[in-house]
C-alpha atoms as a PDB file:
ATOM      1  CA  MET A   1      -8.861  -6.467  37.088  1.00  0.00           C
ATOM      2  CA  SER A   2     -12.513  -6.490  36.032  1.00  0.00           C
ATOM      3  CA  ASN A   3     -13.701  -9.546  34.142  1.00  0.00           C
ATOM      4  CA  GLU A   4     -14.834  -7.118  31.437  1.00  0.00           C
ATOM      5  CA  PRO A   5     -11.712  -5.330  30.222  1.00  0.00           C
ATOM      6  CA  ARG A   6     -11.952  -1.617  29.535  1.00  0.00           C
ATOM      7  CA  ILE A   7     -10.950  -0.911  25.947  1.00  0.00           C
ATOM      8  CA  GLY A   8      -9.983   2.583  24.884  1.00  0.00           C
ATOM      9  CA  VAL A   9     -11.537   3.120  21.437  1.00  0.00           C
ATOM     10  CA  CYS A  10     -10.025   6.019  19.502  1.00  0.00           C
ATOM     11  CA  VAL A  11     -12.597   8.335  17.970  1.00  0.00           C
ATOM     12  CA  GLY A  12     -12.360  10.497  14.858  1.00  0.00           C
ATOM     13  CA  ARG A  13     -14.157  13.730  14.010  1.00  0.00           C
ATOM     14  CA  GLU A  14     -16.760  14.783  11.469  1.00  0.00           C
ATOM     15  CA  THR A  15     -18.466  18.057  10.584  1.00  0.00           C
ATOM     16  CA  HIS A  16     -22.233  18.239  10.046  1.00  0.00           C
ATOM     17  CA  GLY A  17     -24.210  21.422   9.574  1.00  0.00           C
ATOM     18  CA  GLY A  18     -21.265  23.544  10.572  1.00  0.00           C
ATOM     19  CA  ARG A  19     -20.818  21.688  13.871  1.00  0.00           C
ATOM     20  CA  ARG A  20     -17.954  19.304  14.645  1.00  0.00           C
ATOM     21  CA  PHE A  21     -18.675  15.927  16.226  1.00  0.00           C
ATOM     22  CA  ASP A  22     -16.455  13.311  17.848  1.00  0.00           C
ATOM     23  CA  SER A  23     -17.649  10.040  16.332  1.00  0.00           C
ATOM     24  CA  THR A  24     -16.787   6.490  15.384  1.00  0.00           C
ATOM     25  CA  PRO A  25     -18.714   3.828  13.431  1.00  0.00           C
ATOM     26  CA  ARG A  26     -20.924   1.723  15.673  1.00  0.00           C
ATOM     27  CA  GLU A  27     -19.305  -1.492  14.381  1.00  0.00           C
ATOM     28  CA  TYR A  28     -16.199  -0.910  16.526  1.00  0.00           C
ATOM     29  CA  VAL A  29     -18.260  -0.543  19.687  1.00  0.00           C
ATOM     30  CA  THR A  30     -20.317  -3.609  18.801  1.00  0.00           C
ATOM     31  CA  ALA A  31     -17.200  -5.696  18.131  1.00  0.00           C
ATOM     32  CA  VAL A  32     -15.705  -4.816  21.527  1.00  0.00           C
ATOM     33  CA  LEU A  33     -18.986  -5.504  23.342  1.00  0.00           C
ATOM     34  CA  GLN A  34     -19.517  -8.835  21.593  1.00  0.00           C
ATOM     35  CA  ALA A  35     -15.980  -9.918  22.427  1.00  0.00           C
ATOM     36  CA  GLY A  36     -16.616  -9.230  26.119  1.00  0.00           C
ATOM     37  CA  GLY A  37     -15.044  -5.800  26.617  1.00  0.00           C
ATOM     38  CA  VAL A  38     -16.319  -2.411  27.745  1.00  0.00           C
ATOM     39  CA  PRO A  39     -15.624   0.290  25.108  1.00  0.00           C
ATOM     40  CA  LEU A  40     -14.442   3.656  26.425  1.00  0.00           C
ATOM     41  CA  LEU A  41     -14.435   6.224  23.630  1.00  0.00           C
ATOM     42  CA  ILE A  42     -11.541   8.664  23.566  1.00  0.00           C
ATOM     43  CA  PRO A  43     -11.615  11.596  21.123  1.00  0.00           C
ATOM     44  CA  PRO A  44      -8.564  13.566  19.986  1.00  0.00           C
ATOM     45  CA  ALA A  45      -7.136  15.221  23.078  1.00  0.00           C
ATOM     46  CA  PRO A  46      -3.932  16.999  24.163  1.00  0.00           C
ATOM     47  CA  ARG A  47      -0.924  14.687  24.220  1.00  0.00           C
ATOM     48  CA  GLU A  48      -0.196  15.435  27.860  1.00  0.00           C
ATOM     49  CA  ILE A  49      -3.319  13.601  29.036  1.00  0.00           C
ATOM     50  CA  ALA A  50      -2.501  10.388  27.147  1.00  0.00           C
ATOM     51  CA  LYS A  51      -0.829   8.698  30.113  1.00  0.00           C
ATOM     52  CA  ARG A  52      -3.730   9.572  32.388  1.00  0.00           C
ATOM     53  CA  ALA A  53      -6.215   8.270  29.838  1.00  0.00           C
ATOM     54  CA  VAL A  54      -4.338   5.019  29.224  1.00  0.00           C
ATOM     55  CA  ALA A  55      -4.122   4.454  32.977  1.00  0.00           C
ATOM     56  CA  SER A  56      -7.862   3.715  32.901  1.00  0.00           C
ATOM     57  CA  PHE A  57      -7.660   1.260  29.966  1.00  0.00           C
ATOM     58  CA  ASP A  58      -6.868  -2.449  29.837  1.00  0.00           C
ATOM     59  CA  GLY A  59      -6.414  -2.377  26.054  1.00  0.00           C
ATOM     60  CA  LEU A  60      -6.356   0.090  23.160  1.00  0.00           C
ATOM     61  CA  LEU A  61      -8.198  -0.069  19.814  1.00  0.00           C
ATOM     62  CA  LEU A  62      -6.986   2.218  17.019  1.00  0.00           C
ATOM     63  CA  THR A  63      -9.768   2.758  14.507  1.00  0.00           C
ATOM     64  CA  GLY A  64      -9.977   3.814  10.859  1.00  0.00           C
ATOM     65  CA  GLY A  65     -10.202   7.329   9.475  1.00  0.00           C
ATOM     66  CA  GLY A  66      -8.399   9.907   7.355  1.00  0.00           C
ATOM     67  CA  ASP A  67      -4.778   9.934   6.275  1.00  0.00           C
ATOM     68  CA  ILE A  68      -1.949  10.471   8.749  1.00  0.00           C
ATOM     69  CA  SER A  69       0.096  13.607   8.178  1.00  0.00           C
ATOM     70  CA  PRO A  70       3.334  12.743   6.326  1.00  0.00           C
ATOM     71  CA  ASP A  71       5.085  15.122   8.751  1.00  0.00           C
ATOM     72  CA  HIS A  72       5.057  12.237  11.230  1.00  0.00           C
ATOM     73  CA  TYR A  73       7.179  10.031   8.972  1.00  0.00           C
ATOM     74  CA  GLY A  74       9.385  12.654   7.376  1.00  0.00           C
ATOM     75  CA  ALA A  75       7.745  12.898   3.956  1.00  0.00           C
ATOM     76  CA  ALA A  76       6.286  15.701   1.857  1.00  0.00           C
ATOM     77  CA  ARG A  77       2.528  15.648   1.424  1.00  0.00           C
ATOM     78  CA  GLU A  78       1.417  14.225  -1.915  1.00  0.00           C
ATOM     79  CA  GLU A  79      -1.591  15.375  -3.930  1.00  0.00           C
ATOM     80  CA  LYS A  80      -3.916  12.490  -3.036  1.00  0.00           C
ATOM     81  CA  THR A  81      -3.236  12.544   0.707  1.00  0.00           C
ATOM     82  CA  SER A  82      -6.393  13.833   2.371  1.00  0.00           C
ATOM     83  CA  GLY A  83      -8.533  13.912   5.497  1.00  0.00           C
ATOM     84  CA  ILE A  84      -5.618  14.851   7.756  1.00  0.00           C
ATOM     85  CA  ASP A  85      -6.450  15.702  11.368  1.00  0.00           C
ATOM     86  CA  ASN A  86      -3.216  16.817  13.011  1.00  0.00           C
ATOM     87  CA  GLU A  87      -4.703  16.857  16.486  1.00  0.00           C
ATOM     88  CA  ARG A  88      -5.924  13.294  16.101  1.00  0.00           C
ATOM     89  CA  ASP A  89      -2.519  12.181  14.818  1.00  0.00           C
ATOM     90  CA  ARG A  90      -0.708  13.713  17.786  1.00  0.00           C
ATOM     91  CA  SER A  91      -3.228  12.374  20.259  1.00  0.00           C
ATOM     92  CA  GLU A  92      -3.166   8.791  18.989  1.00  0.00           C
ATOM     93  CA  LEU A  93       0.611   8.633  18.647  1.00  0.00           C
ATOM     94  CA  ALA A  94       0.797   9.710  22.289  1.00  0.00           C
ATOM     95  CA  LEU A  95      -1.784   7.079  23.247  1.00  0.00           C
ATOM     96  CA  VAL A  96       0.234   4.356  21.515  1.00  0.00           C
ATOM     97  CA  ALA A  97       3.415   5.464  23.294  1.00  0.00           C
ATOM     98  CA  ALA A  98       1.587   5.451  26.642  1.00  0.00           C
ATOM     99  CA  ALA A  99       0.034   2.042  25.955  1.00  0.00           C
ATOM    100  CA  LEU A 100       3.440   0.550  25.113  1.00  0.00           C
ATOM    101  CA  GLU A 101       4.955   2.085  28.234  1.00  0.00           C
ATOM    102  CA  ARG A 102       2.177   0.691  30.407  1.00  0.00           C
ATOM    103  CA  GLY A 103       2.275  -2.676  28.672  1.00  0.00           C
ATOM    104  CA  ILE A 104      -1.349  -3.024  27.561  1.00  0.00           C
ATOM    105  CA  PRO A 105      -2.308  -4.651  24.239  1.00  0.00           C
ATOM    106  CA  VAL A 106      -2.946  -2.613  21.100  1.00  0.00           C
ATOM    107  CA  LEU A 107      -5.098  -3.603  18.123  1.00  0.00           C
ATOM    108  CA  GLY A 108      -4.880  -1.384  15.038  1.00  0.00           C
ATOM    109  CA  VAL A 109      -7.459  -1.342  12.231  1.00  0.00           C
ATOM    110  CA  CYS A 110      -6.783   0.222   8.792  1.00  0.00           C
ATOM    111  CA  ARG A 111      -5.615   3.761   9.665  1.00  0.00           C
ATOM    112  CA  GLY A 112      -4.812   2.214  13.050  1.00  0.00           C
ATOM    113  CA  ALA A 113      -2.368  -0.205  11.413  1.00  0.00           C
ATOM    114  CA  GLN A 114      -0.716   2.658   9.576  1.00  0.00           C
ATOM    115  CA  LEU A 115      -0.522   4.641  12.813  1.00  0.00           C
ATOM    116  CA  VAL A 116       1.153   1.707  14.576  1.00  0.00           C
ATOM    117  CA  ASN A 117       3.729   1.538  11.795  1.00  0.00           C
ATOM    118  CA  VAL A 118       4.420   5.274  12.024  1.00  0.00           C
ATOM    119  CA  ALA A 119       4.606   5.080  15.833  1.00  0.00           C
ATOM    120  CA  PHE A 120       7.392   2.490  15.473  1.00  0.00           C
ATOM    121  CA  GLY A 121       9.281   4.690  12.995  1.00  0.00           C
ATOM    122  CA  GLY A 122       7.920   3.347   9.722  1.00  0.00           C
ATOM    123  CA  THR A 123       6.649   5.139   6.613  1.00  0.00           C
ATOM    124  CA  LEU A 124       3.580   4.962   4.366  1.00  0.00           C
ATOM    125  CA  ARG A 125       2.844   4.841   0.662  1.00  0.00           C
ATOM    126  CA  GLN A 126       0.595   7.826   0.181  1.00  0.00           C
ATOM    127  CA  HIS A 127      -1.422   6.361  -2.660  1.00  0.00           C
ATOM    128  CA  LEU A 128      -1.854   2.845  -4.015  1.00  0.00           C
ATOM    129  CA  ASP A 129      -2.603   2.185  -7.657  1.00  0.00           C
ATOM    130  CA  ASP A 130      -4.098  -0.935  -9.230  1.00  0.00           C
ATOM    131  CA  ALA A 131      -0.994  -1.840 -11.210  1.00  0.00           C
ATOM    132  CA  ASN A 132      -0.605  -5.263  -9.595  1.00  0.00           C
ATOM    133  CA  GLY A 133      -4.209  -6.327 -10.043  1.00  0.00           C
ATOM    134  CA  ILE A 134      -5.722  -5.460  -6.656  1.00  0.00           C
ATOM    135  CA  ARG A 135      -7.977  -2.483  -6.130  1.00  0.00           C
ATOM    136  CA  HIS A 136      -7.528  -1.640  -2.459  1.00  0.00           C
ATOM    137  CA  THR A 137     -10.080   1.172  -2.222  1.00  0.00           C
ATOM    138  CA  ARG A 138     -13.497  -0.537  -2.207  1.00  0.00           C
ATOM    139  CA  PRO A 139     -15.667   1.439   0.276  1.00  0.00           C
ATOM    140  CA  ARG A 140     -18.958   0.430  -1.352  1.00  0.00           C
ATOM    141  CA  ARG A 141     -18.151  -3.190  -0.564  1.00  0.00           C
ATOM    142  CA  ARG A 142     -17.164  -2.700   3.072  1.00  0.00           C
ATOM    143  CA  TYR A 143     -19.370  -5.590   4.176  1.00  0.00           C
ATOM    144  CA  GLU A 144     -17.935  -8.004   1.604  1.00  0.00           C
ATOM    145  CA  THR A 145     -14.619  -9.753   1.125  1.00  0.00           C
ATOM    146  CA  VAL A 146     -12.806  -8.566  -2.009  1.00  0.00           C
ATOM    147  CA  HIS A 147      -9.268  -9.972  -1.919  1.00  0.00           C
ATOM    148  CA  ARG A 148      -7.090 -12.513  -0.153  1.00  0.00           C
ATOM    149  CA  ILE A 149      -4.425 -12.190   2.552  1.00  0.00           C
ATOM    150  CA  LEU A 150      -1.549 -14.678   2.814  1.00  0.00           C
ATOM    151  CA  LEU A 151      -0.327 -15.145   6.396  1.00  0.00           C
ATOM    152  CA  GLU A 152       3.113 -16.156   7.590  1.00  0.00           C
ATOM    153  CA  PRO A 153       2.885 -19.592   9.265  1.00  0.00           C
ATOM    154  CA  GLU A 154       4.398 -18.271  12.498  1.00  0.00           C
ATOM    155  CA  SER A 155       2.072 -15.255  12.655  1.00  0.00           C
ATOM    156  CA  LEU A 156      -0.224 -14.681  15.584  1.00  0.00           C
ATOM    157  CA  LEU A 157      -3.256 -14.524  13.310  1.00  0.00           C
ATOM    158  CA  ALA A 158      -2.385 -17.783  11.526  1.00  0.00           C
ATOM    159  CA  GLY A 159      -2.200 -19.402  14.943  1.00  0.00           C
ATOM    160  CA  LEU A 160      -5.561 -17.976  15.978  1.00  0.00           C
ATOM    161  CA  LEU A 161      -7.213 -19.105  12.740  1.00  0.00           C
ATOM    162  CA  GLU A 162      -5.304 -22.346  12.216  1.00  0.00           C
ATOM    163  CA  ARG A 163      -4.921 -21.466   8.559  1.00  0.00           C
ATOM    164  CA  ARG A 164      -2.695 -19.296   6.371  1.00  0.00           C
ATOM    165  CA  GLU A 165      -5.175 -17.607   4.052  1.00  0.00           C
ATOM    166  CA  LEU A 166      -8.220 -15.415   4.560  1.00  0.00           C
ATOM    167  CA  ASP A 167     -10.425 -13.149   2.494  1.00  0.00           C
ATOM    168  CA  VAL A 168     -10.893  -9.534   3.586  1.00  0.00           C
ATOM    169  CA  ASN A 169     -12.609  -6.277   2.675  1.00  0.00           C
ATOM    170  CA  SER A 170     -10.537  -3.268   1.598  1.00  0.00           C
ATOM    171  CA  MET A 171     -11.158   0.467   2.048  1.00  0.00           C
ATOM    172  CA  HIS A 172      -7.729   2.081   2.115  1.00  0.00           C
ATOM    173  CA  HIS A 173      -5.817   4.084  -0.487  1.00  0.00           C
ATOM    174  CA  GLN A 174      -2.578   4.203   1.514  1.00  0.00           C
ATOM    175  CA  GLY A 175      -0.420   1.411   2.878  1.00  0.00           C
ATOM    176  CA  ILE A 176       2.733   0.452   4.707  1.00  0.00           C
ATOM    177  CA  GLU A 177       5.978   1.214   2.893  1.00  0.00           C
ATOM    178  CA  LEU A 178       9.045   0.992   5.181  1.00  0.00           C
ATOM    179  CA  LEU A 179       8.224  -1.191   8.165  1.00  0.00           C
ATOM    180  CA  GLY A 180       8.711   0.289  11.626  1.00  0.00           C
ATOM    181  CA  ASP A 181      11.416  -0.928  14.004  1.00  0.00           C
ATOM    182  CA  HIS A 182      10.619  -4.131  15.899  1.00  0.00           C
ATOM    183  CA  LEU A 183       7.513  -4.858  13.813  1.00  0.00           C
ATOM    184  CA  GLN A 184       7.147  -8.074  11.856  1.00  0.00           C
ATOM    185  CA  PRO A 185       5.313  -8.296   8.487  1.00  0.00           C
ATOM    186  CA  MET A 186       3.020 -11.246   9.095  1.00  0.00           C
ATOM    187  CA  GLY A 187       0.490 -11.045   6.272  1.00  0.00           C
ATOM    188  CA  ARG A 188       0.411  -9.673   2.733  1.00  0.00           C
ATOM    189  CA  ALA A 189      -2.104  -9.077  -0.015  1.00  0.00           C
ATOM    190  CA  GLU A 190      -1.477 -11.003  -3.198  1.00  0.00           C
ATOM    191  CA  ASP A 191       0.216  -7.930  -4.693  1.00  0.00           C
ATOM    192  CA  GLY A 192       2.783  -8.010  -1.867  1.00  0.00           C
ATOM    193  CA  LEU A 193       1.389  -5.139   0.237  1.00  0.00           C
ATOM    194  CA  VAL A 194       1.930  -5.737   3.953  1.00  0.00           C
ATOM    195  CA  GLU A 195      -1.499  -5.951   5.633  1.00  0.00           C
ATOM    196  CA  VAL A 196      -0.703  -7.626   8.973  1.00  0.00           C
ATOM    197  CA  ILE A 197       1.971  -6.397  11.374  1.00  0.00           C
ATOM    198  CA  GLU A 198       2.743  -7.482  14.889  1.00  0.00           C
ATOM    199  CA  ASN A 199       5.100  -7.270  17.804  1.00  0.00           C
ATOM    200  CA  ARG A 200       4.173 -10.204  19.982  1.00  0.00           C
ATOM    201  CA  GLU A 201       6.462  -9.210  22.855  1.00  0.00           C
ATOM    202  CA  ARG A 202       4.792  -5.800  23.103  1.00  0.00           C
ATOM    203  CA  ARG A 203       1.313  -7.273  22.459  1.00  0.00           C
ATOM    204  CA  VAL A 204       0.728  -5.239  19.314  1.00  0.00           C
ATOM    205  CA  LEU A 205      -1.323  -6.565  16.389  1.00  0.00           C
ATOM    206  CA  ALA A 206      -2.591  -4.494  13.456  1.00  0.00           C
ATOM    207  CA  VAL A 207      -4.441  -5.239  10.220  1.00  0.00           C
ATOM    208  CA  GLN A 208      -5.064  -3.112   7.138  1.00  0.00           C
ATOM    209  CA  TRP A 209      -8.669  -4.208   6.517  1.00  0.00           C
ATOM    210  CA  HIS A 210     -11.845  -3.600   8.561  1.00  0.00           C
ATOM    211  CA  PRO A 211     -12.740  -6.703  10.608  1.00  0.00           C
ATOM    212  CA  GLU A 212     -15.470  -4.809  12.476  1.00  0.00           C
ATOM    213  CA  CYS A 213     -17.447  -4.699   9.194  1.00  0.00           C
ATOM    214  CA  LEU A 214     -17.183  -8.495   8.780  1.00  0.00           C
ATOM    215  CA  PRO A 215     -18.549  -9.655  12.153  1.00  0.00           C
ATOM    216  CA  ARG A 216     -19.461 -13.149  10.962  1.00  0.00           C
ATOM    217  CA  GLU A 217     -15.964 -13.924   9.728  1.00  0.00           C
ATOM    218  CA  LYS A 218     -13.872 -16.141  11.991  1.00  0.00           C
ATOM    219  CA  ALA A 219     -10.862 -13.851  11.590  1.00  0.00           C
ATOM    220  CA  SER A 220     -12.851 -10.835  12.812  1.00  0.00           C
ATOM    221  CA  LYS A 221     -14.086 -12.637  15.906  1.00  0.00           C
ATOM    222  CA  ARG A 222     -10.613 -13.945  16.705  1.00  0.00           C
ATOM    223  CA  LEU A 223      -8.992 -10.509  16.342  1.00  0.00           C
ATOM    224  CA  PHE A 224     -11.311  -8.817  18.809  1.00  0.00           C
ATOM    225  CA  SER A 225     -11.251 -11.832  21.130  1.00  0.00           C
ATOM    226  CA  TRP A 226      -7.452 -11.612  21.104  1.00  0.00           C
ATOM    227  CA  LEU A 227      -7.641  -7.984  22.234  1.00  0.00           C
ATOM    228  CA  ILE A 228     -10.079  -8.797  25.036  1.00  0.00           C
ATOM    229  CA  GLU A 229      -8.182 -11.860  26.264  1.00  0.00           C
ATOM    230  CA  GLU A 230      -4.864 -10.001  26.243  1.00  0.00           C
ATOM    231  CA  SER A 231      -6.531  -7.126  28.087  1.00  0.00           C
ATOM    232  CA  ARG A 232      -7.503  -9.500  30.892  1.00  0.00           C
ATOM    233  CA  ARG A 233      -3.834 -10.102  31.603  1.00  0.00           C
ATOM    234  CA  ASP A 234      -1.900  -7.816  33.897  1.00  0.00           C
ATOM    235  CA  PRO A 235      -0.007  -4.978  32.175  1.00  0.00           C
ATOM    236  CA  ALA A 236       3.553  -5.999  31.427  1.00  0.00           C
ATOM    237  CA  PRO A 237       5.778  -2.977  30.701  1.00  0.00           C
ATOM    238  CA  PRO A 238       8.989  -3.838  28.850  1.00  0.00           C
ATOM    239  CA  THR A 239      12.079  -3.973  31.033  1.00  0.00           C
ATOM    240  CA  SER A 240      14.152  -1.862  28.616  1.00  0.00           C
END
């Protein structure tokens, strides 16, 4: 394996001037490069090529973006659910399945954390209110920390940081509701919302905030370093 792991970075889509572009914020690319990986951008693509795409990756990064279609977790679409890209949903769910089958590590960020939960059979809250004192949708403060996360002592991230609390940014209006099978809730906001999930055996770690926008924070560096270091290991498909 190359000393510089190849990281598949999922890409969203935007429309400008009537033309559609595959794009992702530069911060994701920068975070992978600074951690020692080589980012390989993968836009929404037919599900059948997912295995072939993942065959060229050493790790997978699921990035932020619009809401996931509730069709994927058996719910009716609510009024405030928006920004759905069905092709992206199908593509990234297939990429996660292929990554798990191949045994490469997966890091999910914001929408990516929600996608991981859905991929494991979980559900989402389609809109979060501020009833418990935390405003989760703070896009204008993406480069600032706005609330605290409390980590479980046995969590992977607590071990990486050697502490149980950290401050994060927050740009999401949806969140994890029913946790997916074989995922562990390893960090919560102070209002109880699950914001860190993991499956250590499958090398899956996902967070609800945007560490790529907080590059100087220790937690951000450790998250992307974890992905790169795990990607240097040989793939380890589960035996079952």
